[in-house]
Amino acid sequence: NTPISDMTLTKALRDHKAQSDIPSRIATAHGFRSTFRDWA
């Protein structure tokens, strides 16, 4: 009954090899805010 760790999301993105806009770097959870900002 505590908030889950940020590393849980990081691991999920790594496990699924979520590609980012930086070559050879996996996308981060925080990076989706930039994704939205670019879309807007």
ModelCIF file with pLDDT and N, C-alpha, C, O atoms, coordinates in Angstrom:
data_MODEL
#
_entry.id   MODEL 
#
_entity.id                         1 
_entity.type                       polymer 
_entity.pdbx_number_of_molecules   1 
#
_entity_poly.entity_id                      1 
_entity_poly.type                           'polypeptide(L)' 
_entity_poly.nstd_linkage                   no 
_entity_poly.nstd_monomer                   no 
_entity_poly.pdbx_seq_one_letter_code       NTPISDMTLTKALRDHKAQSDIPSRIATAHGFRSTFRDWA 
_entity_poly.pdbx_seq_one_letter_code_can   NTPISDMTLTKALRDHKAQSDIPSRIATAHGFRSTFRDWA 
_entity_poly.pdbx_strand_id                 A 
#
loop_
_entity_poly_seq.entity_id 
_entity_poly_seq.num 
_entity_poly_seq.mon_id 
_entity_poly_seq.hetero 
1 1  ASN n 
1 2  THR n 
1 3  PRO n 
1 4  ILE n 
1 5  SER n 
1 6  ASP n 
1 7  MET n 
1 8  THR n 
1 9  LEU n 
1 10 THR n 
1 11 LYS n 
1 12 ALA n 
1 13 LEU n 
1 14 ARG n 
1 15 ASP n 
1 16 HIS n 
1 17 LYS n 
1 18 ALA n 
1 19 GLN n 
1 20 SER n 
1 21 ASP n 
1 22 ILE n 
1 23 PRO n 
1 24 SER n 
1 25 ARG n 
1 26 ILE n 
1 27 ALA n 
1 28 THR n 
1 29 ALA n 
1 30 HIS n 
1 31 GLY n 
1 32 PHE n 
1 33 ARG n 
1 34 SER n 
1 35 THR n 
1 36 PHE n 
1 37 ARG n 
1 38 ASP n 
1 39 TRP n 
1 40 ALA n 
#
_struct_asym.id          A 
_struct_asym.entity_id   1 
#
loop_
_ma_qa_metric.id 
_ma_qa_metric.mode 
_ma_qa_metric.name 
_ma_qa_metric.software_group_id 
_ma_qa_metric.type 
1 global pLDDT . pLDDT 
2 local  pLDDT . pLDDT 
#
_ma_qa_metric_global.metric_id      1 
_ma_qa_metric_global.metric_value   91.42 
_ma_qa_metric_global.model_id       1 
_ma_qa_metric_global.ordinal_id     1 
#
loop_
_ma_qa_metric_local.label_asym_id 
_ma_qa_metric_local.label_comp_id 
_ma_qa_metric_local.label_seq_id 
_ma_qa_metric_local.metric_id 
_ma_qa_metric_local.metric_value 
_ma_qa_metric_local.model_id 
_ma_qa_metric_local.ordinal_id 
A ASN 1  2 91.00 1 1  
A THR 2  2 91.00 1 2  
A PRO 3  2 91.00 1 3  
A ILE 4  2 91.00 1 4  
A SER 5  2 91.00 1 5  
A ASP 6  2 90.00 1 6  
A MET 7  2 92.00 1 7  
A THR 8  2 92.00 1 8  
A LEU 9  2 93.00 1 9  
A THR 10 2 92.00 1 10 
A LYS 11 2 93.00 1 11 
A ALA 12 2 92.00 1 12 
A LEU 13 2 93.00 1 13 
A ARG 14 2 93.00 1 14 
A ASP 15 2 92.00 1 15 
A HIS 16 2 90.00 1 16 
A LYS 17 2 90.00 1 17 
A ALA 18 2 90.00 1 18 
A GLN 19 2 89.00 1 19 
A SER 20 2 87.00 1 20 
A ASP 21 2 84.00 1 21 
A ILE 22 2 84.00 1 22 
A PRO 23 2 83.00 1 23 
A SER 24 2 82.00 1 24 
A ARG 25 2 89.00 1 25 
A ILE 26 2 91.00 1 26 
A ALA 27 2 93.00 1 27 
A THR 28 2 93.00 1 28 
A ALA 29 2 93.00 1 29 
A HIS 30 2 93.00 1 30 
A GLY 31 2 93.00 1 31 
A PHE 32 2 95.00 1 32 
A ARG 33 2 95.00 1 33 
A SER 34 2 94.00 1 34 
A THR 35 2 95.00 1 35 
A PHE 36 2 96.00 1 36 
A ARG 37 2 95.00 1 37 
A ASP 38 2 95.00 1 38 
A TRP 39 2 96.00 1 39 
A ALA 40 2 95.00 1 40 
#
loop_
_atom_site.group_PDB 
_atom_site.id 
_atom_site.type_symbol 
_atom_site.label_atom_id 
_atom_site.label_alt_id 
_atom_site.label_comp_id 
_atom_site.label_asym_id 
_atom_site.label_entity_id 
_atom_site.label_seq_id 
_atom_site.pdbx_PDB_ins_code 
_atom_site.Cartn_x 
_atom_site.Cartn_y 
_atom_site.Cartn_z 
_atom_site.occupancy 
_atom_site.B_iso_or_equiv 
_atom_site.pdbx_formal_charge 
_atom_site.auth_seq_id 
_atom_site.auth_comp_id 
_atom_site.auth_asym_id 
_atom_site.auth_atom_id 
_atom_site.pdbx_PDB_model_num 
ATOM 1   N N  . ASN A 1 1  ? 0.813  -1.225 0.000   1.00 91.00 ? 1  ASN A N  1 
ATOM 2   C CA . ASN A 1 1  ? 0.000  0.000  0.000   1.00 91.00 ? 1  ASN A CA 1 
ATOM 3   C C  . ASN A 1 1  ? 0.846  1.274  0.000   1.00 91.00 ? 1  ASN A C  1 
ATOM 4   O O  . ASN A 1 1  ? 0.537  2.243  0.693   1.00 91.00 ? 1  ASN A O  1 
ATOM 5   N N  . THR A 1 2  ? 1.903  1.248  -0.782  1.00 91.00 ? 2  THR A N  1 
ATOM 6   C CA . THR A 1 2  ? 2.738  2.424  -1.014  1.00 91.00 ? 2  THR A CA 1 
ATOM 7   C C  . THR A 1 2  ? 2.768  2.706  -2.511  1.00 91.00 ? 2  THR A C  1 
ATOM 8   O O  . THR A 1 2  ? 2.475  1.807  -3.300  1.00 91.00 ? 2  THR A O  1 
ATOM 9   N N  . PRO A 1 3  ? 3.118  3.940  -2.934  1.00 91.00 ? 3  PRO A N  1 
ATOM 10  C CA . PRO A 1 3  ? 3.221  4.216  -4.371  1.00 91.00 ? 3  PRO A CA 1 
ATOM 11  C C  . PRO A 1 3  ? 4.307  3.342  -5.001  1.00 91.00 ? 3  PRO A C  1 
ATOM 12  O O  . PRO A 1 3  ? 5.340  3.086  -4.382  1.00 91.00 ? 3  PRO A O  1 
ATOM 13  N N  . ILE A 1 4  ? 4.075  2.893  -6.209  1.00 91.00 ? 4  ILE A N  1 
ATOM 14  C CA . ILE A 1 4  ? 5.074  2.062  -6.872  1.00 91.00 ? 4  ILE A CA 1 
ATOM 15  C C  . ILE A 1 4  ? 6.289  2.907  -7.241  1.00 91.00 ? 4  ILE A C  1 
ATOM 16  O O  . ILE A 1 4  ? 6.199  4.128  -7.363  1.00 91.00 ? 4  ILE A O  1 
ATOM 17  N N  . SER A 1 5  ? 7.406  2.246  -7.412  1.00 91.00 ? 5  SER A N  1 
ATOM 18  C CA . SER A 1 5  ? 8.655  2.941  -7.725  1.00 91.00 ? 5  SER A CA 1 
ATOM 19  C C  . SER A 1 5  ? 8.674  3.394  -9.179  1.00 91.00 ? 5  SER A C  1 
ATOM 20  O O  . SER A 1 5  ? 8.079  2.773  -10.059 1.00 91.00 ? 5  SER A O  1 
ATOM 21  N N  . ASP A 1 6  ? 9.383  4.506  -9.397  1.00 90.00 ? 6  ASP A N  1 
ATOM 22  C CA . ASP A 1 6  ? 9.569  4.982  -10.767 1.00 90.00 ? 6  ASP A CA 1 
ATOM 23  C C  . ASP A 1 6  ? 10.327 3.961  -11.608 1.00 90.00 ? 6  ASP A C  1 
ATOM 24  O O  . ASP A 1 6  ? 10.167 3.912  -12.827 1.00 90.00 ? 6  ASP A O  1 
ATOM 25  N N  . MET A 1 7  ? 11.154 3.143  -10.953 1.00 92.00 ? 7  MET A N  1 
ATOM 26  C CA . MET A 1 7  ? 11.918 2.122  -11.672 1.00 92.00 ? 7  MET A CA 1 
ATOM 27  C C  . MET A 1 7  ? 11.017 1.064  -12.277 1.00 92.00 ? 7  MET A C  1 
ATOM 28  O O  . MET A 1 7  ? 11.412 0.396  -13.233 1.00 92.00 ? 7  MET A O  1 
ATOM 29  N N  . THR A 1 8  ? 9.807  0.893  -11.739 1.00 92.00 ? 8  THR A N  1 
ATOM 30  C CA . THR A 1 8  ? 8.861  -0.059 -12.319 1.00 92.00 ? 8  THR A CA 1 
ATOM 31  C C  . THR A 1 8  ? 8.501  0.352  -13.741 1.00 92.00 ? 8  THR A C  1 
ATOM 32  O O  . THR A 1 8  ? 8.432  -0.484 -14.643 1.00 92.00 ? 8  THR A O  1 
ATOM 33  N N  . LEU A 1 9  ? 8.273  1.645  -13.930 1.00 93.00 ? 9  LEU A N  1 
ATOM 34  C CA . LEU A 1 9  ? 7.949  2.152  -15.273 1.00 93.00 ? 9  LEU A CA 1 
ATOM 35  C C  . LEU A 1 9  ? 9.178  2.102  -16.177 1.00 93.00 ? 9  LEU A C  1 
ATOM 36  O O  . LEU A 1 9  ? 9.083  1.763  -17.356 1.00 93.00 ? 9  LEU A O  1 
ATOM 37  N N  . THR A 1 10 ? 10.332 2.445  -15.604 1.00 92.00 ? 10 THR A N  1 
ATOM 38  C CA . THR A 1 10 ? 11.573 2.398  -16.381 1.00 92.00 ? 10 THR A CA 1 
ATOM 39  C C  . THR A 1 10 ? 11.834 0.985  -16.887 1.00 92.00 ? 10 THR A C  1 
ATOM 40  O O  . THR A 1 10 ? 12.214 0.796  -18.042 1.00 92.00 ? 10 THR A O  1 
ATOM 41  N N  . LYS A 1 11 ? 11.631 -0.009 -16.022 1.00 93.00 ? 11 LYS A N  1 
ATOM 42  C CA . LYS A 1 11 ? 11.851 -1.408 -16.406 1.00 93.00 ? 11 LYS A CA 1 
ATOM 43  C C  . LYS A 1 11 ? 10.879 -1.827 -17.500 1.00 93.00 ? 11 LYS A C  1 
ATOM 44  O O  . LYS A 1 11 ? 11.256 -2.530 -18.438 1.00 93.00 ? 11 LYS A O  1 
ATOM 45  N N  . ALA A 1 12 ? 9.619  -1.393 -17.378 1.00 92.00 ? 12 ALA A N  1 
ATOM 46  C CA . ALA A 1 12 ? 8.626  -1.749 -18.389 1.00 92.00 ? 12 ALA A CA 1 
ATOM 47  C C  . ALA A 1 12 ? 9.017  -1.195 -19.758 1.00 92.00 ? 12 ALA A C  1 
ATOM 48  O O  . ALA A 1 12 ? 8.895  -1.884 -20.771 1.00 92.00 ? 12 ALA A O  1 
ATOM 49  N N  . LEU A 1 13 ? 9.487  0.048  -19.781 1.00 93.00 ? 13 LEU A N  1 
ATOM 50  C CA . LEU A 1 13 ? 9.903  0.662  -21.043 1.00 93.00 ? 13 LEU A CA 1 
ATOM 51  C C  . LEU A 1 13 ? 11.140 -0.033 -21.609 1.00 93.00 ? 13 LEU A C  1 
ATOM 52  O O  . LEU A 1 13 ? 11.262 -0.211 -22.821 1.00 93.00 ? 13 LEU A O  1 
ATOM 53  N N  . ARG A 1 14 ? 12.054 -0.421 -20.724 1.00 93.00 ? 14 ARG A N  1 
ATOM 54  C CA . ARG A 1 14 ? 13.248 -1.134 -21.185 1.00 93.00 ? 14 ARG A CA 1 
ATOM 55  C C  . ARG A 1 14 ? 12.900 -2.519 -21.707 1.00 93.00 ? 14 ARG A C  1 
ATOM 56  O O  . ARG A 1 14 ? 13.408 -2.951 -22.741 1.00 93.00 ? 14 ARG A O  1 
ATOM 57  N N  . ASP A 1 15 ? 12.023 -3.214 -20.974 1.00 92.00 ? 15 ASP A N  1 
ATOM 58  C CA . ASP A 1 15 ? 11.645 -4.573 -21.384 1.00 92.00 ? 15 ASP A CA 1 
ATOM 59  C C  . ASP A 1 15 ? 11.008 -4.586 -22.764 1.00 92.00 ? 15 ASP A C  1 
ATOM 60  O O  . ASP A 1 15 ? 11.180 -5.529 -23.537 1.00 92.00 ? 15 ASP A O  1 
ATOM 61  N N  . HIS A 1 16 ? 10.260 -3.512 -23.063 1.00 90.00 ? 16 HIS A N  1 
ATOM 62  C CA . HIS A 1 16 ? 9.572  -3.451 -24.358 1.00 90.00 ? 16 HIS A CA 1 
ATOM 63  C C  . HIS A 1 16 ? 10.351 -2.631 -25.388 1.00 90.00 ? 16 HIS A C  1 
ATOM 64  O O  . HIS A 1 16 ? 9.862  -2.347 -26.482 1.00 90.00 ? 16 HIS A O  1 
ATOM 65  N N  . LYS A 1 17 ? 11.593 -2.255 -25.003 1.00 90.00 ? 17 LYS A N  1 
ATOM 66  C CA . LYS A 1 17 ? 12.490 -1.543 -25.926 1.00 90.00 ? 17 LYS A CA 1 
ATOM 67  C C  . LYS A 1 17 ? 11.790 -0.340 -26.577 1.00 90.00 ? 17 LYS A C  1 
ATOM 68  O O  . LYS A 1 17 ? 11.800 -0.170 -27.796 1.00 90.00 ? 17 LYS A O  1 
ATOM 69  N N  . ALA A 1 18 ? 11.189 0.478  -25.720 1.00 90.00 ? 18 ALA A N  1 
ATOM 70  C CA . ALA A 1 18 ? 10.492 1.674  -26.209 1.00 90.00 ? 18 ALA A CA 1 
ATOM 71  C C  . ALA A 1 18 ? 11.500 2.660  -26.791 1.00 90.00 ? 18 ALA A C  1 
ATOM 72  O O  . ALA A 1 18 ? 12.297 3.240  -26.055 1.00 90.00 ? 18 ALA A O  1 
ATOM 73  N N  . GLN A 1 19 ? 11.469 2.848  -28.087 1.00 89.00 ? 19 GLN A N  1 
ATOM 74  C CA . GLN A 1 19 ? 12.448 3.684  -28.769 1.00 89.00 ? 19 GLN A CA 1 
ATOM 75  C C  . GLN A 1 19 ? 12.216 5.167  -28.509 1.00 89.00 ? 19 GLN A C  1 
ATOM 76  O O  . GLN A 1 19 ? 11.074 5.624  -28.447 1.00 89.00 ? 19 GLN A O  1 
ATOM 77  N N  . SER A 1 20 ? 13.310 5.916  -28.359 1.00 87.00 ? 20 SER A N  1 
ATOM 78  C CA . SER A 1 20 ? 13.219 7.351  -28.138 1.00 87.00 ? 20 SER A CA 1 
ATOM 79  C C  . SER A 1 20 ? 13.765 8.099  -29.350 1.00 87.00 ? 20 SER A C  1 
ATOM 80  O O  . SER A 1 20 ? 14.171 7.497  -30.344 1.00 87.00 ? 20 SER A O  1 
ATOM 81  N N  . ASP A 1 21 ? 13.764 9.428  -29.240 1.00 84.00 ? 21 ASP A N  1 
ATOM 82  C CA . ASP A 1 21 ? 14.294 10.259 -30.319 1.00 84.00 ? 21 ASP A CA 1 
ATOM 83  C C  . ASP A 1 21 ? 15.815 10.379 -30.249 1.00 84.00 ? 21 ASP A C  1 
ATOM 84  O O  . ASP A 1 21 ? 16.427 11.055 -31.076 1.00 84.00 ? 21 ASP A O  1 
ATOM 85  N N  . ILE A 1 22 ? 16.422 9.720  -29.256 1.00 84.00 ? 22 ILE A N  1 
ATOM 86  C CA . ILE A 1 22 ? 17.881 9.698  -29.137 1.00 84.00 ? 22 ILE A CA 1 
ATOM 87  C C  . ILE A 1 22 ? 18.362 8.295  -29.502 1.00 84.00 ? 22 ILE A C  1 
ATOM 88  O O  . ILE A 1 22 ? 17.996 7.334  -28.825 1.00 84.00 ? 22 ILE A O  1 
ATOM 89  N N  . PRO A 1 23 ? 19.161 8.151  -30.537 1.00 83.00 ? 23 PRO A N  1 
ATOM 90  C CA . PRO A 1 23 ? 19.616 6.821  -30.958 1.00 83.00 ? 23 PRO A CA 1 
ATOM 91  C C  . PRO A 1 23 ? 20.226 6.036  -29.802 1.00 83.00 ? 23 PRO A C  1 
ATOM 92  O O  . PRO A 1 23 ? 20.992 6.574  -29.003 1.00 83.00 ? 23 PRO A O  1 
ATOM 93  N N  . SER A 1 24 ? 19.880 4.778  -29.729 1.00 82.00 ? 24 SER A N  1 
ATOM 94  C CA . SER A 1 24 ? 20.383 3.823  -28.738 1.00 82.00 ? 24 SER A CA 1 
ATOM 95  C C  . SER A 1 24 ? 19.903 4.122  -27.313 1.00 82.00 ? 24 SER A C  1 
ATOM 96  O O  . SER A 1 24 ? 20.382 3.499  -26.366 1.00 82.00 ? 24 SER A O  1 
ATOM 97  N N  . ARG A 1 25 ? 18.961 5.070  -27.143 1.00 89.00 ? 25 ARG A N  1 
ATOM 98  C CA . ARG A 1 25 ? 18.428 5.362  -25.804 1.00 89.00 ? 25 ARG A CA 1 
ATOM 99  C C  . ARG A 1 25 ? 16.963 4.946  -25.731 1.00 89.00 ? 25 ARG A C  1 
ATOM 100 O O  . ARG A 1 25 ? 16.192 5.191  -26.659 1.00 89.00 ? 25 ARG A O  1 
ATOM 101 N N  . ILE A 1 26 ? 16.589 4.319  -24.624 1.00 91.00 ? 26 ILE A N  1 
ATOM 102 C CA . ILE A 1 26 ? 15.203 3.922  -24.405 1.00 91.00 ? 26 ILE A CA 1 
ATOM 103 C C  . ILE A 1 26 ? 14.410 5.126  -23.900 1.00 91.00 ? 26 ILE A C  1 
ATOM 104 O O  . ILE A 1 26 ? 14.917 5.925  -23.113 1.00 91.00 ? 26 ILE A O  1 
ATOM 105 N N  . ALA A 1 27 ? 13.171 5.249  -24.356 1.00 93.00 ? 27 ALA A N  1 
ATOM 106 C CA . ALA A 1 27 ? 12.314 6.350  -23.920 1.00 93.00 ? 27 ALA A CA 1 
ATOM 107 C C  . ALA A 1 27 ? 12.075 6.274  -22.420 1.00 93.00 ? 27 ALA A C  1 
ATOM 108 O O  . ALA A 1 27 ? 12.027 5.185  -21.849 1.00 93.00 ? 27 ALA A O  1 
ATOM 109 N N  . THR A 1 28 ? 11.925 7.432  -21.782 1.00 93.00 ? 28 THR A N  1 
ATOM 110 C CA . THR A 1 28 ? 11.644 7.492  -20.347 1.00 93.00 ? 28 THR A CA 1 
ATOM 111 C C  . THR A 1 28 ? 10.197 7.894  -20.114 1.00 93.00 ? 28 THR A C  1 
ATOM 112 O O  . THR A 1 28 ? 9.541  8.456  -20.991 1.00 93.00 ? 28 THR A O  1 
ATOM 113 N N  . ALA A 1 29 ? 9.713  7.594  -18.915 1.00 93.00 ? 29 ALA A N  1 
ATOM 114 C CA . ALA A 1 29 ? 8.338  7.969  -18.579 1.00 93.00 ? 29 ALA A CA 1 
ATOM 115 C C  . ALA A 1 29 ? 8.173  9.484  -18.620 1.00 93.00 ? 29 ALA A C  1 
ATOM 116 O O  . ALA A 1 29 ? 7.175  9.989  -19.134 1.00 93.00 ? 29 ALA A O  1 
ATOM 117 N N  . HIS A 1 30 ? 9.151  10.206 -18.080 1.00 93.00 ? 30 HIS A N  1 
ATOM 118 C CA . HIS A 1 30 ? 9.070  11.666 -18.076 1.00 93.00 ? 30 HIS A CA 1 
ATOM 119 C C  . HIS A 1 30 ? 9.105  12.224 -19.503 1.00 93.00 ? 30 HIS A C  1 
ATOM 120 O O  . HIS A 1 30 ? 8.544  13.285 -19.778 1.00 93.00 ? 30 HIS A O  1 
ATOM 121 N N  . GLY A 1 31 ? 9.771  11.493 -20.406 1.00 93.00 ? 31 GLY A N  1 
ATOM 122 C CA . GLY A 1 31 ? 9.891  11.970 -21.780 1.00 93.00 ? 31 GLY A CA 1 
ATOM 123 C C  . GLY A 1 31 ? 8.577  12.091 -22.504 1.00 93.00 ? 31 GLY A C  1 
ATOM 124 O O  . GLY A 1 31 ? 8.492  12.819 -23.493 1.00 93.00 ? 31 GLY A O  1 
ATOM 125 N N  . PHE A 1 32 ? 7.532  11.396 -22.046 1.00 95.00 ? 32 PHE A N  1 
ATOM 126 C CA . PHE A 1 32 ? 6.226  11.491 -22.721 1.00 95.00 ? 32 PHE A CA 1 
ATOM 127 C C  . PHE A 1 32 ? 5.618  12.877 -22.582 1.00 95.00 ? 32 PHE A C  1 
ATOM 128 O O  . PHE A 1 32 ? 4.739  13.245 -23.362 1.00 95.00 ? 32 PHE A O  1 
ATOM 129 N N  . ARG A 1 33 ? 6.064  13.643 -21.614 1.00 95.00 ? 33 ARG A N  1 
ATOM 130 C CA . ARG A 1 33 ? 5.615  15.038 -21.518 1.00 95.00 ? 33 ARG A CA 1 
ATOM 131 C C  . ARG A 1 33 ? 6.164  15.849 -22.686 1.00 95.00 ? 33 ARG A C  1 
ATOM 132 O O  . ARG A 1 33 ? 5.470  16.697 -23.247 1.00 95.00 ? 33 ARG A O  1 
ATOM 133 N N  . SER A 1 34 ? 7.416  15.579 -23.047 1.00 94.00 ? 34 SER A N  1 
ATOM 134 C CA . SER A 1 34 ? 7.998  16.239 -24.224 1.00 94.00 ? 34 SER A CA 1 
ATOM 135 C C  . SER A 1 34 ? 7.304  15.769 -25.493 1.00 94.00 ? 34 SER A C  1 
ATOM 136 O O  . SER A 1 34 ? 7.095  16.545 -26.425 1.00 94.00 ? 34 SER A O  1 
ATOM 137 N N  . THR A 1 35 ? 6.949  14.489 -25.517 1.00 95.00 ? 35 THR A N  1 
ATOM 138 C CA . THR A 1 35 ? 6.235  13.940 -26.675 1.00 95.00 ? 35 THR A CA 1 
ATOM 139 C C  . THR A 1 35 ? 4.931  14.695 -26.890 1.00 95.00 ? 35 THR A C  1 
ATOM 140 O O  . THR A 1 35 ? 4.614  15.104 -28.007 1.00 95.00 ? 35 THR A O  1 
ATOM 141 N N  . PHE A 1 36 ? 4.178  14.874 -25.804 1.00 96.00 ? 36 PHE A N  1 
ATOM 142 C CA . PHE A 1 36 ? 2.924  15.613 -25.902 1.00 96.00 ? 36 PHE A CA 1 
ATOM 143 C C  . PHE A 1 36 ? 3.180  17.053 -26.330 1.00 96.00 ? 36 PHE A C  1 
ATOM 144 O O  . PHE A 1 36 ? 2.446  17.598 -27.155 1.00 96.00 ? 36 PHE A O  1 
ATOM 145 N N  . ARG A 1 37 ? 4.221  17.672 -25.769 1.00 95.00 ? 37 ARG A N  1 
ATOM 146 C CA . ARG A 1 37 ? 4.484  19.088 -26.091 1.00 95.00 ? 37 ARG A CA 1 
ATOM 147 C C  . ARG A 1 37 ? 4.818  19.255 -27.569 1.00 95.00 ? 37 ARG A C  1 
ATOM 148 O O  . ARG A 1 37 ? 4.392  20.222 -28.202 1.00 95.00 ? 37 ARG A O  1 
ATOM 149 N N  . ASP A 1 38 ? 5.585  18.303 -28.119 1.00 95.00 ? 38 ASP A N  1 
ATOM 150 C CA . ASP A 1 38 ? 5.902  18.366 -29.546 1.00 95.00 ? 38 ASP A CA 1 
ATOM 151 C C  . ASP A 1 38 ? 4.645  18.195 -30.393 1.00 95.00 ? 38 ASP A C  1 
ATOM 152 O O  . ASP A 1 38 ? 4.457  18.893 -31.389 1.00 95.00 ? 38 ASP A O  1 
ATOM 153 N N  . TRP A 1 39 ? 3.791  17.265 -29.990 1.00 96.00 ? 39 TRP A N  1 
ATOM 154 C CA . TRP A 1 39 ? 2.525  17.051 -30.722 1.00 96.00 ? 39 TRP A CA 1 
ATOM 155 C C  . TRP A 1 39 ? 1.682  18.320 -30.701 1.00 96.00 ? 39 TRP A C  1 
ATOM 156 O O  . TRP A 1 39 ? 1.127  18.714 -31.727 1.00 96.00 ? 39 TRP A O  1 
ATOM 157 N N  . ALA A 1 40 ? 1.582  18.964 -29.535 1.00 95.00 ? 40 ALA A N  1 
ATOM 158 C CA . ALA A 1 40 ? 0.772  20.181 -29.419 1.00 95.00 ? 40 ALA A CA 1 
ATOM 159 C C  . ALA A 1 40 ? 1.310  21.287 -30.326 1.00 95.00 ? 40 ALA A C  1 
ATOM 160 O O  . ALA A 1 40 ? 0.753  22.384 -30.359 1.00 95.00 ? 40 ALA A O  1 
#
